[in-house]
Amino acid sequence: MEYVKLLKVEFCLMAKGFWLVTTTVMNPAFAEYVEAFQPWVDSVGGSVFAKDLEGQTVEGKGGKLAVIIEFSSKQAAIDAYNSSEYQELSKLRWANSIDTNITIMDSGVSH
């Protein structure tokens, strides 16, 4: 039984961080954002976990493009979003998309 407790603690300490992103692309120039985003996210230790160009929002407002970006922790995800590099890069996204939602969360499960 002690082994199970140890695994639970390790899991909690190793929780990943994620950006859950939905947006609707309005202009072909959005490709410039995508081209610049990939090397930037790699440089901060993140990676694209999943992407769907035809995501379905079943409640609320969301865009057609749905992306999950994975980071080593929730704090790493927050730091990446708040970085001056990303804030500059996000101007390309804002100029070429609408209905953008970004939620930062961790992979831990607590009830």
PDB file of N, CA and C in Angstrom:
ATOM      1  N   MET A   1       0.814  -1.194   0.000  1.00  0.00           N
ATOM      2  CA  MET A   1       0.000   0.000   0.000  1.00  0.00           C
ATOM      3  C   MET A   1       0.861   1.264   0.000  1.00  0.00           C
ATOM      4  N   GLU A   2       1.983   1.228   0.649  1.00  0.00           N
ATOM      5  CA  GLU A   2       2.892   2.379   0.677  1.00  0.00           C
ATOM      6  C   GLU A   2       3.381   2.721  -0.736  1.00  0.00           C
ATOM      7  N   TYR A   3       3.599   1.730  -1.578  1.00  0.00           N
ATOM      8  CA  TYR A   3       4.046   1.933  -2.946  1.00  0.00           C
ATOM      9  C   TYR A   3       3.045   2.764  -3.729  1.00  0.00           C
ATOM     10  N   VAL A   4       1.759   2.504  -3.572  1.00  0.00           N
ATOM     11  CA  VAL A   4       0.718   3.245  -4.274  1.00  0.00           C
ATOM     12  C   VAL A   4       0.748   4.719  -3.855  1.00  0.00           C
ATOM     13  N   LYS A   5       0.920   4.988  -2.581  1.00  0.00           N
ATOM     14  CA  LYS A   5       0.997   6.366  -2.118  1.00  0.00           C
ATOM     15  C   LYS A   5       2.180   7.087  -2.745  1.00  0.00           C
ATOM     16  N   LEU A   6       3.293   6.418  -2.839  1.00  0.00           N
ATOM     17  CA  LEU A   6       4.488   7.007  -3.438  1.00  0.00           C
ATOM     18  C   LEU A   6       4.234   7.362  -4.899  1.00  0.00           C
ATOM     19  N   LEU A   7       3.588   6.480  -5.633  1.00  0.00           N
ATOM     20  CA  LEU A   7       3.282   6.762  -7.033  1.00  0.00           C
ATOM     21  C   LEU A   7       2.350   7.963  -7.159  1.00  0.00           C
ATOM     22  N   LYS A   8       1.377   8.082  -6.283  1.00  0.00           N
ATOM     23  CA  LYS A   8       0.472   9.226  -6.323  1.00  0.00           C
ATOM     24  C   LYS A   8       1.238  10.529  -6.115  1.00  0.00           C
ATOM     25  N   VAL A   9       2.151  10.553  -5.185  1.00  0.00           N
ATOM     26  CA  VAL A   9       2.944  11.752  -4.920  1.00  0.00           C
ATOM     27  C   VAL A   9       3.810  12.087  -6.122  1.00  0.00           C
ATOM     28  N   GLU A  10       4.446  11.097  -6.709  1.00  0.00           N
ATOM     29  CA  GLU A  10       5.277  11.337  -7.883  1.00  0.00           C
ATOM     30  C   GLU A  10       4.432  11.909  -9.016  1.00  0.00           C
ATOM     31  N   PHE A  11       3.242  11.386  -9.222  1.00  0.00           N
ATOM     32  CA  PHE A  11       2.390  11.868 -10.294  1.00  0.00           C
ATOM     33  C   PHE A  11       2.030  13.336 -10.069  1.00  0.00           C
ATOM     34  N   CYS A  12       1.674  13.667  -8.844  1.00  0.00           N
ATOM     35  CA  CYS A  12       1.291  15.047  -8.550  1.00  0.00           C
ATOM     36  C   CYS A  12       2.453  15.997  -8.759  1.00  0.00           C
ATOM     37  N   LEU A  13       3.658  15.581  -8.407  1.00  0.00           N
ATOM     38  CA  LEU A  13       4.816  16.439  -8.569  1.00  0.00           C
ATOM     39  C   LEU A  13       5.219  16.594 -10.028  1.00  0.00           C
ATOM     40  N   MET A  14       4.815  15.659 -10.866  1.00  0.00           N
ATOM     41  CA  MET A  14       5.229  15.670 -12.260  1.00  0.00           C
ATOM     42  C   MET A  14       4.101  16.112 -13.197  1.00  0.00           C
ATOM     43  N   ALA A  15       3.091  16.799 -12.666  1.00  0.00           N
ATOM     44  CA  ALA A  15       1.959  17.224 -13.492  1.00  0.00           C
ATOM     45  C   ALA A  15       2.437  18.137 -14.615  1.00  0.00           C
ATOM     46  N   LYS A  16       1.949  17.874 -15.778  1.00  0.00           N
ATOM     47  CA  LYS A  16       2.262  18.693 -16.952  1.00  0.00           C
ATOM     48  C   LYS A  16       1.373  19.924 -16.970  1.00  0.00           C
ATOM     49  N   GLY A  17       1.759  20.906 -17.749  1.00  0.00           N
ATOM     50  CA  GLY A  17       0.935  22.079 -17.972  1.00  0.00           C
ATOM     51  C   GLY A  17       0.490  22.101 -19.419  1.00  0.00           C
ATOM     52  N   PHE A  18      -0.679  22.658 -19.671  1.00  0.00           N
ATOM     53  CA  PHE A  18      -1.226  22.685 -21.021  1.00  0.00           C
ATOM     54  C   PHE A  18      -1.855  24.032 -21.336  1.00  0.00           C
ATOM     55  N   TRP A  19      -1.751  24.419 -22.604  1.00  0.00           N
ATOM     56  CA  TRP A  19      -2.596  25.477 -23.156  1.00  0.00           C
ATOM     57  C   TRP A  19      -3.687  24.756 -23.931  1.00  0.00           C
ATOM     58  N   LEU A  20      -4.935  25.089 -23.657  1.00  0.00           N
ATOM     59  CA  LEU A  20      -6.056  24.617 -24.465  1.00  0.00           C
ATOM     60  C   LEU A  20      -6.487  25.817 -25.294  1.00  0.00           C
ATOM     61  N   VAL A  21      -6.319  25.720 -26.596  1.00  0.00           N
ATOM     62  CA  VAL A  21      -6.527  26.870 -27.475  1.00  0.00           C
ATOM     63  C   VAL A  21      -7.598  26.548 -28.510  1.00  0.00           C
ATOM     64  N   THR A  22      -8.542  27.483 -28.669  1.00  0.00           N
ATOM     65  CA  THR A  22      -9.454  27.431 -29.812  1.00  0.00           C
ATOM     66  C   THR A  22      -9.442  28.798 -30.471  1.00  0.00           C
ATOM     67  N   THR A  23      -9.518  28.795 -31.780  1.00  0.00           N
ATOM     68  CA  THR A  23      -9.548  30.052 -32.528  1.00  0.00           C
ATOM     69  C   THR A  23     -10.136  29.791 -33.913  1.00  0.00           C
ATOM     70  N   THR A  24     -10.567  30.833 -34.554  1.00  0.00           N
ATOM     71  CA  THR A  24     -11.034  30.745 -35.935  1.00  0.00           C
ATOM     72  C   THR A  24     -10.079  31.558 -36.801  1.00  0.00           C
ATOM     73  N   VAL A  25      -9.466  30.898 -37.746  1.00  0.00           N
ATOM     74  CA  VAL A  25      -8.510  31.547 -38.651  1.00  0.00           C
ATOM     75  C   VAL A  25      -9.296  32.342 -39.685  1.00  0.00           C
ATOM     76  N   MET A  26      -8.912  33.609 -39.841  1.00  0.00           N
ATOM     77  CA  MET A  26      -9.625  34.495 -40.769  1.00  0.00           C
ATOM     78  C   MET A  26      -8.815  34.844 -42.011  1.00  0.00           C
ATOM     79  N   ASN A  27      -7.487  34.736 -41.937  1.00  0.00           N
ATOM     80  CA  ASN A  27      -6.644  35.164 -43.049  1.00  0.00           C
ATOM     81  C   ASN A  27      -5.544  34.136 -43.307  1.00  0.00           C
ATOM     82  N   PRO A  28      -5.163  33.959 -44.572  1.00  0.00           N
ATOM     83  CA  PRO A  28      -4.057  33.054 -44.882  1.00  0.00           C
ATOM     84  C   PRO A  28      -2.750  33.454 -44.184  1.00  0.00           C
ATOM     85  N   ALA A  29      -2.629  34.720 -43.808  1.00  0.00           N
ATOM     86  CA  ALA A  29      -1.415  35.189 -43.130  1.00  0.00           C
ATOM     87  C   ALA A  29      -1.242  34.536 -41.748  1.00  0.00           C
ATOM     88  N   PHE A  30      -2.262  33.837 -41.255  1.00  0.00           N
ATOM     89  CA  PHE A  30      -2.145  33.090 -39.998  1.00  0.00           C
ATOM     90  C   PHE A  30      -0.995  32.085 -40.091  1.00  0.00           C
ATOM     91  N   ALA A  31      -0.691  31.650 -41.317  1.00  0.00           N
ATOM     92  CA  ALA A  31       0.414  30.702 -41.537  1.00  0.00           C
ATOM     93  C   ALA A  31       1.739  31.267 -41.026  1.00  0.00           C
ATOM     94  N   GLU A  32       1.904  32.580 -41.076  1.00  0.00           N
ATOM     95  CA  GLU A  32       3.119  33.209 -40.550  1.00  0.00           C
ATOM     96  C   GLU A  32       3.242  32.956 -39.048  1.00  0.00           C
ATOM     97  N   TYR A  33       2.113  33.032 -38.352  1.00  0.00           N
ATOM     98  CA  TYR A  33       2.098  32.746 -36.909  1.00  0.00           C
ATOM     99  C   TYR A  33       2.494  31.291 -36.659  1.00  0.00           C
ATOM    100  N   VAL A  34       1.896  30.381 -37.408  1.00  0.00           N
ATOM    101  CA  VAL A  34       2.178  28.958 -37.234  1.00  0.00           C
ATOM    102  C   VAL A  34       3.656  28.668 -37.484  1.00  0.00           C
ATOM    103  N   GLU A  35       4.212  29.246 -38.549  1.00  0.00           N
ATOM    104  CA  GLU A  35       5.630  29.033 -38.873  1.00  0.00           C
ATOM    105  C   GLU A  35       6.550  29.552 -37.772  1.00  0.00           C
ATOM    106  N   ALA A  36       6.209  30.667 -37.174  1.00  0.00           N
ATOM    107  CA  ALA A  36       7.033  31.236 -36.108  1.00  0.00           C
ATOM    108  C   ALA A  36       6.778  30.544 -34.769  1.00  0.00           C
ATOM    109  N   PHE A  37       5.557  30.054 -34.565  1.00  0.00           N
ATOM    110  CA  PHE A  37       5.188  29.439 -33.294  1.00  0.00           C
ATOM    111  C   PHE A  37       5.970  28.160 -33.026  1.00  0.00           C
ATOM    112  N   GLN A  38       6.088  27.301 -34.021  1.00  0.00           N
ATOM    113  CA  GLN A  38       6.712  25.986 -33.789  1.00  0.00           C
ATOM    114  C   GLN A  38       8.135  26.092 -33.242  1.00  0.00           C
ATOM    115  N   PRO A  39       9.028  26.845 -33.857  1.00  0.00           N
ATOM    116  CA  PRO A  39      10.373  26.952 -33.276  1.00  0.00           C
ATOM    117  C   PRO A  39      10.370  27.646 -31.906  1.00  0.00           C
ATOM    118  N   TRP A  40       9.456  28.612 -31.731  1.00  0.00           N
ATOM    119  CA  TRP A  40       9.390  29.275 -30.421  1.00  0.00           C
ATOM    120  C   TRP A  40       8.967  28.287 -29.343  1.00  0.00           C
ATOM    121  N   VAL A  41       7.896  27.521 -29.574  1.00  0.00           N
ATOM    122  CA  VAL A  41       7.417  26.596 -28.545  1.00  0.00           C
ATOM    123  C   VAL A  41       8.467  25.531 -28.248  1.00  0.00           C
ATOM    124  N   ASP A  42       9.189  25.085 -29.268  1.00  0.00           N
ATOM    125  CA  ASP A  42      10.294  24.138 -29.044  1.00  0.00           C
ATOM    126  C   ASP A  42      11.353  24.767 -28.134  1.00  0.00           C
ATOM    127  N   SER A  43      11.648  26.034 -28.351  1.00  0.00           N
ATOM    128  CA  SER A  43      12.711  26.713 -27.597  1.00  0.00           C
ATOM    129  C   SER A  43      12.369  26.886 -26.121  1.00  0.00           C
ATOM    130  N   VAL A  44      11.080  26.878 -25.775  1.00  0.00           N
ATOM    131  CA  VAL A  44      10.685  27.006 -24.369  1.00  0.00           C
ATOM    132  C   VAL A  44      10.288  25.664 -23.758  1.00  0.00           C
ATOM    133  N   GLY A  45      10.579  24.576 -24.467  1.00  0.00           N
ATOM    134  CA  GLY A  45      10.327  23.240 -23.934  1.00  0.00           C
ATOM    135  C   GLY A  45       8.912  22.741 -24.082  1.00  0.00           C
ATOM    136  N   GLY A  46       8.115  23.399 -24.918  1.00  0.00           N
ATOM    137  CA  GLY A  46       6.746  22.962 -25.146  1.00  0.00           C
ATOM    138  C   GLY A  46       6.640  22.126 -26.408  1.00  0.00           C
ATOM    139  N   SER A  47       5.468  21.530 -26.602  1.00  0.00           N
ATOM    140  CA  SER A  47       5.232  20.763 -27.824  1.00  0.00           C
ATOM    141  C   SER A  47       3.734  20.716 -28.122  1.00  0.00           C
ATOM    142  N   VAL A  48       3.412  20.565 -29.396  1.00  0.00           N
ATOM    143  CA  VAL A  48       2.017  20.431 -29.799  1.00  0.00           C
ATOM    144  C   VAL A  48       1.590  19.002 -29.476  1.00  0.00           C
ATOM    145  N   PHE A  49       0.637  18.878 -28.566  1.00  0.00           N
ATOM    146  CA  PHE A  49       0.142  17.575 -28.124  1.00  0.00           C
ATOM    147  C   PHE A  49      -0.943  17.062 -29.071  1.00  0.00           C
ATOM    148  N   ALA A  50      -1.828  17.965 -29.498  1.00  0.00           N
ATOM    149  CA  ALA A  50      -2.920  17.596 -30.409  1.00  0.00           C
ATOM    150  C   ALA A  50      -3.377  18.840 -31.158  1.00  0.00           C
ATOM    151  N   LYS A  51      -3.884  18.625 -32.386  1.00  0.00           N
ATOM    152  CA  LYS A  51      -4.389  19.733 -33.199  1.00  0.00           C
ATOM    153  C   LYS A  51      -5.518  19.212 -34.072  1.00  0.00           C
ATOM    154  N   ASP A  52      -6.590  19.987 -34.165  1.00  0.00           N
ATOM    155  CA  ASP A  52      -7.726  19.623 -35.005  1.00  0.00           C
ATOM    156  C   ASP A  52      -8.166  20.879 -35.752  1.00  0.00           C
ATOM    157  N   LEU A  53      -8.121  20.833 -37.070  1.00  0.00           N
ATOM    158  CA  LEU A  53      -8.499  21.984 -37.893  1.00  0.00           C
ATOM    159  C   LEU A  53     -10.003  22.163 -38.001  1.00  0.00           C
ATOM    160  N   GLU A  54     -10.768  21.164 -37.570  1.00  0.00           N
ATOM    161  CA  GLU A  54     -12.226  21.231 -37.631  1.00  0.00           C
ATOM    162  C   GLU A  54     -12.821  20.848 -36.274  1.00  0.00           C
ATOM    163  N   GLY A  55     -12.299  21.444 -35.207  1.00  0.00           N
ATOM    164  CA  GLY A  55     -12.818  21.165 -33.868  1.00  0.00           C
ATOM    165  C   GLY A  55     -14.274  21.572 -33.744  1.00  0.00           C
ATOM    166  N   GLN A  56     -15.022  20.881 -32.889  1.00  0.00           N
ATOM    167  CA  GLN A  56     -16.435  21.189 -32.675  1.00  0.00           C
ATOM    168  C   GLN A  56     -16.623  21.689 -31.252  1.00  0.00           C
ATOM    169  N   THR A  57     -16.998  22.940 -31.119  1.00  0.00           N
ATOM    170  CA  THR A  57     -17.346  23.480 -29.813  1.00  0.00           C
ATOM    171  C   THR A  57     -18.800  23.130 -29.574  1.00  0.00           C
ATOM    172  N   VAL A  58     -19.075  22.374 -28.530  1.00  0.00           N
ATOM    173  CA  VAL A  58     -20.447  21.942 -28.265  1.00  0.00           C
ATOM    174  C   VAL A  58     -21.130  22.793 -27.200  1.00  0.00           C
ATOM    175  N   GLU A  59     -20.356  23.597 -26.473  1.00  0.00           N
ATOM    176  CA  GLU A  59     -20.910  24.567 -25.530  1.00  0.00           C
ATOM    177  C   GLU A  59     -20.035  25.802 -25.540  1.00  0.00           C
ATOM    178  N   GLY A  60     -20.633  26.969 -25.464  1.00  0.00           N
ATOM    179  CA  GLY A  60     -19.873  28.204 -25.422  1.00  0.00           C
ATOM    180  C   GLY A  60     -19.383  28.622 -26.794  1.00  0.00           C
ATOM    181  N   LYS A  61     -18.495  29.615 -26.776  1.00  0.00           N
ATOM    182  CA  LYS A  61     -17.928  30.118 -28.028  1.00  0.00           C
ATOM    183  C   LYS A  61     -16.512  29.582 -28.172  1.00  0.00           C
ATOM    184  N   GLY A  62     -16.198  29.128 -29.325  1.00  0.00           N
ATOM    185  CA  GLY A  62     -14.856  28.630 -29.610  1.00  0.00           C
ATOM    186  C   GLY A  62     -14.641  28.644 -31.101  1.00  0.00           C
ATOM    187  N   GLY A  63     -13.409  28.506 -31.496  1.00  0.00           N
ATOM    188  CA  GLY A  63     -13.088  28.533 -32.913  1.00  0.00           C
ATOM    189  C   GLY A  63     -13.015  27.148 -33.508  1.00  0.00           C
ATOM    190  N   LYS A  64     -12.799  27.096 -34.815  1.00  0.00           N
ATOM    191  CA  LYS A  64     -12.686  25.830 -35.538  1.00  0.00           C
ATOM    192  C   LYS A  64     -11.347  25.129 -35.297  1.00  0.00           C
ATOM    193  N   LEU A  65     -10.290  25.915 -35.108  1.00  0.00           N
ATOM    194  CA  LEU A  65      -8.970  25.343 -34.857  1.00  0.00           C
ATOM    195  C   LEU A  65      -8.843  25.092 -33.360  1.00  0.00           C
ATOM    196  N   ALA A  66      -8.553  23.860 -32.982  1.00  0.00           N
ATOM    197  CA  ALA A  66      -8.360  23.498 -31.576  1.00  0.00           C
ATOM    198  C   ALA A  66      -6.964  22.904 -31.428  1.00  0.00           C
ATOM    199  N   VAL A  67      -6.205  23.412 -30.467  1.00  0.00           N
ATOM    200  CA  VAL A  67      -4.827  22.962 -30.271  1.00  0.00           C
ATOM    201  C   VAL A  67      -4.574  22.778 -28.781  1.00  0.00           C
ATOM    202  N   ILE A  68      -3.850  21.721 -28.438  1.00  0.00           N
ATOM    203  CA  ILE A  68      -3.382  21.510 -27.069  1.00  0.00           C
ATOM    204  C   ILE A  68      -1.867  21.553 -27.114  1.00  0.00           C
ATOM    205  N   ILE A  69      -1.287  22.462 -26.327  1.00  0.00           N
ATOM    206  CA  ILE A  69       0.164  22.600 -26.242  1.00  0.00           C
ATOM    207  C   ILE A  69       0.593  22.097 -24.873  1.00  0.00           C
ATOM    208  N   GLU A  70       1.582  21.224 -24.835  1.00  0.00           N
ATOM    209  CA  GLU A  70       2.053  20.626 -23.591  1.00  0.00           C
ATOM    210  C   GLU A  70       3.356  21.274 -23.132  1.00  0.00           C
ATOM    211  N   PHE A  71       3.446  21.523 -21.827  1.00  0.00           N
ATOM    212  CA  PHE A  71       4.650  22.055 -21.196  1.00  0.00           C
ATOM    213  C   PHE A  71       5.021  21.166 -20.008  1.00  0.00           C
ATOM    214  N   SER A  72       6.205  21.348 -19.477  1.00  0.00           N
ATOM    215  CA  SER A  72       6.677  20.506 -18.372  1.00  0.00           C
ATOM    216  C   SER A  72       5.884  20.720 -17.088  1.00  0.00           C
ATOM    217  N   SER A  73       5.245  21.871 -16.934  1.00  0.00           N
ATOM    218  CA  SER A  73       4.450  22.170 -15.739  1.00  0.00           C
ATOM    219  C   SER A  73       3.478  23.302 -16.062  1.00  0.00           C
ATOM    220  N   LYS A  74       2.521  23.514 -15.169  1.00  0.00           N
ATOM    221  CA  LYS A  74       1.595  24.627 -15.350  1.00  0.00           C
ATOM    222  C   LYS A  74       2.353  25.948 -15.292  1.00  0.00           C
ATOM    223  N   GLN A  75       3.323  26.053 -14.374  1.00  0.00           N
ATOM    224  CA  GLN A  75       4.086  27.287 -14.269  1.00  0.00           C
ATOM    225  C   GLN A  75       4.872  27.556 -15.547  1.00  0.00           C
ATOM    226  N   ALA A  76       5.430  26.501 -16.157  1.00  0.00           N
ATOM    227  CA  ALA A  76       6.146  26.674 -17.427  1.00  0.00           C
ATOM    228  C   ALA A  76       5.185  27.167 -18.514  1.00  0.00           C
ATOM    229  N   ALA A  77       3.947  26.682 -18.505  1.00  0.00           N
ATOM    230  CA  ALA A  77       2.940  27.122 -19.481  1.00  0.00           C
ATOM    231  C   ALA A  77       2.584  28.592 -19.262  1.00  0.00           C
ATOM    232  N   ILE A  78       2.451  28.989 -18.008  1.00  0.00           N
ATOM    233  CA  ILE A  78       2.144  30.386 -17.680  1.00  0.00           C
ATOM    234  C   ILE A  78       3.309  31.284 -18.082  1.00  0.00           C
ATOM    235  N   ASP A  79       4.518  30.871 -17.730  1.00  0.00           N
ATOM    236  CA  ASP A  79       5.706  31.667 -18.066  1.00  0.00           C
ATOM    237  C   ASP A  79       5.861  31.829 -19.574  1.00  0.00           C
ATOM    238  N   ALA A  80       5.594  30.752 -20.311  1.00  0.00           N
ATOM    239  CA  ALA A  80       5.704  30.815 -21.776  1.00  0.00           C
ATOM    240  C   ALA A  80       4.696  31.820 -22.333  1.00  0.00           C
ATOM    241  N   TYR A  81       3.457  31.753 -21.846  1.00  0.00           N
ATOM    242  CA  TYR A  81       2.431  32.681 -22.329  1.00  0.00           C
ATOM    243  C   TYR A  81       2.796  34.130 -22.020  1.00  0.00           C
ATOM    244  N   ASN A  82       3.295  34.367 -20.831  1.00  0.00           N
ATOM    245  CA  ASN A  82       3.615  35.726 -20.391  1.00  0.00           C
ATOM    246  C   ASN A  82       4.937  36.263 -20.925  1.00  0.00           C
ATOM    247  N   SER A  83       5.716  35.418 -21.591  1.00  0.00           N
ATOM    248  CA  SER A  83       7.020  35.861 -22.087  1.00  0.00           C
ATOM    249  C   SER A  83       6.870  36.969 -23.126  1.00  0.00           C
ATOM    250  N   SER A  84       7.839  37.856 -23.153  1.00  0.00           N
ATOM    251  CA  SER A  84       7.796  38.945 -24.138  1.00  0.00           C
ATOM    252  C   SER A  84       7.843  38.398 -25.558  1.00  0.00           C
ATOM    253  N   GLU A  85       8.551  37.281 -25.750  1.00  0.00           N
ATOM    254  CA  GLU A  85       8.636  36.674 -27.083  1.00  0.00           C
ATOM    255  C   GLU A  85       7.252  36.220 -27.561  1.00  0.00           C
ATOM    256  N   TYR A  86       6.505  35.543 -26.663  1.00  0.00           N
ATOM    257  CA  TYR A  86       5.185  35.085 -27.089  1.00  0.00           C
ATOM    258  C   TYR A  86       4.217  36.251 -27.257  1.00  0.00           C
ATOM    259  N   GLN A  87       4.294  37.223 -26.383  1.00  0.00           N
ATOM    260  CA  GLN A  87       3.389  38.372 -26.502  1.00  0.00           C
ATOM    261  C   GLN A  87       3.592  39.083 -27.844  1.00  0.00           C
ATOM    262  N   GLU A  88       4.827  39.165 -28.291  1.00  0.00           N
ATOM    263  CA  GLU A  88       5.099  39.745 -29.611  1.00  0.00           C
ATOM    264  C   GLU A  88       4.560  38.831 -30.718  1.00  0.00           C
ATOM    265  N   LEU A  89       4.818  37.536 -30.593  1.00  0.00           N
ATOM    266  CA  LEU A  89       4.356  36.557 -31.578  1.00  0.00           C
ATOM    267  C   LEU A  89       2.828  36.530 -31.656  1.00  0.00           C
ATOM    268  N   SER A  90       2.167  36.690 -30.521  1.00  0.00           N
ATOM    269  CA  SER A  90       0.704  36.610 -30.496  1.00  0.00           C
ATOM    270  C   SER A  90       0.041  37.717 -31.321  1.00  0.00           C
ATOM    271  N   LYS A  91       0.763  38.785 -31.600  1.00  0.00           N
ATOM    272  CA  LYS A  91       0.201  39.851 -32.438  1.00  0.00           C
ATOM    273  C   LYS A  91      -0.159  39.328 -33.827  1.00  0.00           C
ATOM    274  N   LEU A  92       0.626  38.364 -34.337  1.00  0.00           N
ATOM    275  CA  LEU A  92       0.304  37.734 -35.632  1.00  0.00           C
ATOM    276  C   LEU A  92      -0.992  36.932 -35.526  1.00  0.00           C
ATOM    277  N   ARG A  93      -1.168  36.238 -34.408  1.00  0.00           N
ATOM    278  CA  ARG A  93      -2.395  35.459 -34.206  1.00  0.00           C
ATOM    279  C   ARG A  93      -3.591  36.390 -34.111  1.00  0.00           C
ATOM    280  N   TRP A  94      -3.485  37.422 -33.277  1.00  0.00           N
ATOM    281  CA  TRP A  94      -4.600  38.356 -33.100  1.00  0.00           C
ATOM    282  C   TRP A  94      -4.993  39.026 -34.423  1.00  0.00           C
ATOM    283  N   ALA A  95      -4.029  39.342 -35.263  1.00  0.00           N
ATOM    284  CA  ALA A  95      -4.311  40.035 -36.520  1.00  0.00           C
ATOM    285  C   ALA A  95      -4.996  39.141 -37.546  1.00  0.00           C
ATOM    286  N   ASN A  96      -4.935  37.829 -37.344  1.00  0.00           N
ATOM    287  CA  ASN A  96      -5.415  36.916 -38.379  1.00  0.00           C
ATOM    288  C   ASN A  96      -6.413  35.870 -37.900  1.00  0.00           C
ATOM    289  N   SER A  97      -6.951  36.075 -36.700  1.00  0.00           N
ATOM    290  CA  SER A  97      -7.925  35.119 -36.177  1.00  0.00           C
ATOM    291  C   SER A  97      -8.927  35.837 -35.271  1.00  0.00           C
ATOM    292  N   ILE A  98     -10.045  35.156 -34.999  1.00  0.00           N
ATOM    293  CA  ILE A  98     -11.069  35.686 -34.091  1.00  0.00           C
ATOM    294  C   ILE A  98     -11.512  34.561 -33.159  1.00  0.00           C
ATOM    295  N   ASP A  99     -12.301  34.925 -32.170  1.00  0.00           N
ATOM    296  CA  ASP A  99     -12.883  33.954 -31.229  1.00  0.00           C
ATOM    297  C   ASP A  99     -11.823  33.092 -30.544  1.00  0.00           C
ATOM    298  N   THR A 100     -10.696  33.695 -30.201  1.00  0.00           N
ATOM    299  CA  THR A 100      -9.618  32.938 -29.577  1.00  0.00           C
ATOM    300  C   THR A 100      -9.867  32.786 -28.085  1.00  0.00           C
ATOM    301  N   ASN A 101      -9.721  31.559 -27.611  1.00  0.00           N
ATOM    302  CA  ASN A 101      -9.776  31.245 -26.187  1.00  0.00           C
ATOM    303  C   ASN A 101      -8.518  30.462 -25.846  1.00  0.00           C
ATOM    304  N   ILE A 102      -7.832  30.857 -24.780  1.00  0.00           N
ATOM    305  CA  ILE A 102      -6.664  30.112 -24.304  1.00  0.00           C
ATOM    306  C   ILE A 102      -6.870  29.864 -22.814  1.00  0.00           C
ATOM    307  N   THR A 103      -6.865  28.608 -22.436  1.00  0.00           N
ATOM    308  CA  THR A 103      -6.955  28.220 -21.039  1.00  0.00           C
ATOM    309  C   THR A 103      -5.665  27.512 -20.682  1.00  0.00           C
ATOM    310  N   ILE A 104      -5.063  27.895 -19.553  1.00  0.00           N
ATOM    311  CA  ILE A 104      -3.856  27.228 -19.073  1.00  0.00           C
ATOM    312  C   ILE A 104      -4.269  26.357 -17.885  1.00  0.00           C
ATOM    313  N   MET A 105      -3.879  25.097 -17.937  1.00  0.00           N
ATOM    314  CA  MET A 105      -4.266  24.149 -16.881  1.00  0.00           C
ATOM    315  C   MET A 105      -3.158  23.140 -16.633  1.00  0.00           C
ATOM    316  N   ASP A 106      -3.288  22.380 -15.549  1.00  0.00           N
ATOM    317  CA  ASP A 106      -2.327  21.296 -15.333  1.00  0.00           C
ATOM    318  C   ASP A 106      -3.030  19.958 -15.489  1.00  0.00           C
ATOM    319  N   SER A 107      -2.235  18.909 -15.529  1.00  0.00           N
ATOM    320  CA  SER A 107      -2.776  17.568 -15.777  1.00  0.00           C
ATOM    321  C   SER A 107      -3.164  16.850 -14.500  1.00  0.00           C
ATOM    322  N   GLY A 108      -2.963  17.489 -13.364  1.00  0.00           N
ATOM    323  CA  GLY A 108      -3.348  16.858 -12.101  1.00  0.00           C
ATOM    324  C   GLY A 108      -4.852  16.739 -11.990  1.00  0.00           C
ATOM    325  N   VAL A 109      -5.296  15.743 -11.244  1.00  0.00           N
ATOM    326  CA  VAL A 109      -6.719  15.536 -11.020  1.00  0.00           C
ATOM    327  C   VAL A 109      -6.962  15.677  -9.520  1.00  0.00           C
ATOM    328  N   SER A 110      -7.777  16.637  -9.154  1.00  0.00           N
ATOM    329  CA  SER A 110      -8.125  16.790  -7.740  1.00  0.00           C
ATOM    330  C   SER A 110      -9.616  17.010  -7.625  1.00  0.00           C
ATOM    331  N   HIS A 111     -10.180  16.418  -6.626  1.00  0.00           N
ATOM    332  CA  HIS A 111     -11.634  16.549  -6.418  1.00  0.00           C
ATOM    333  C   HIS A 111     -11.893  17.052  -5.028  1.00  0.00           C
TER     334      HIS A 111
END
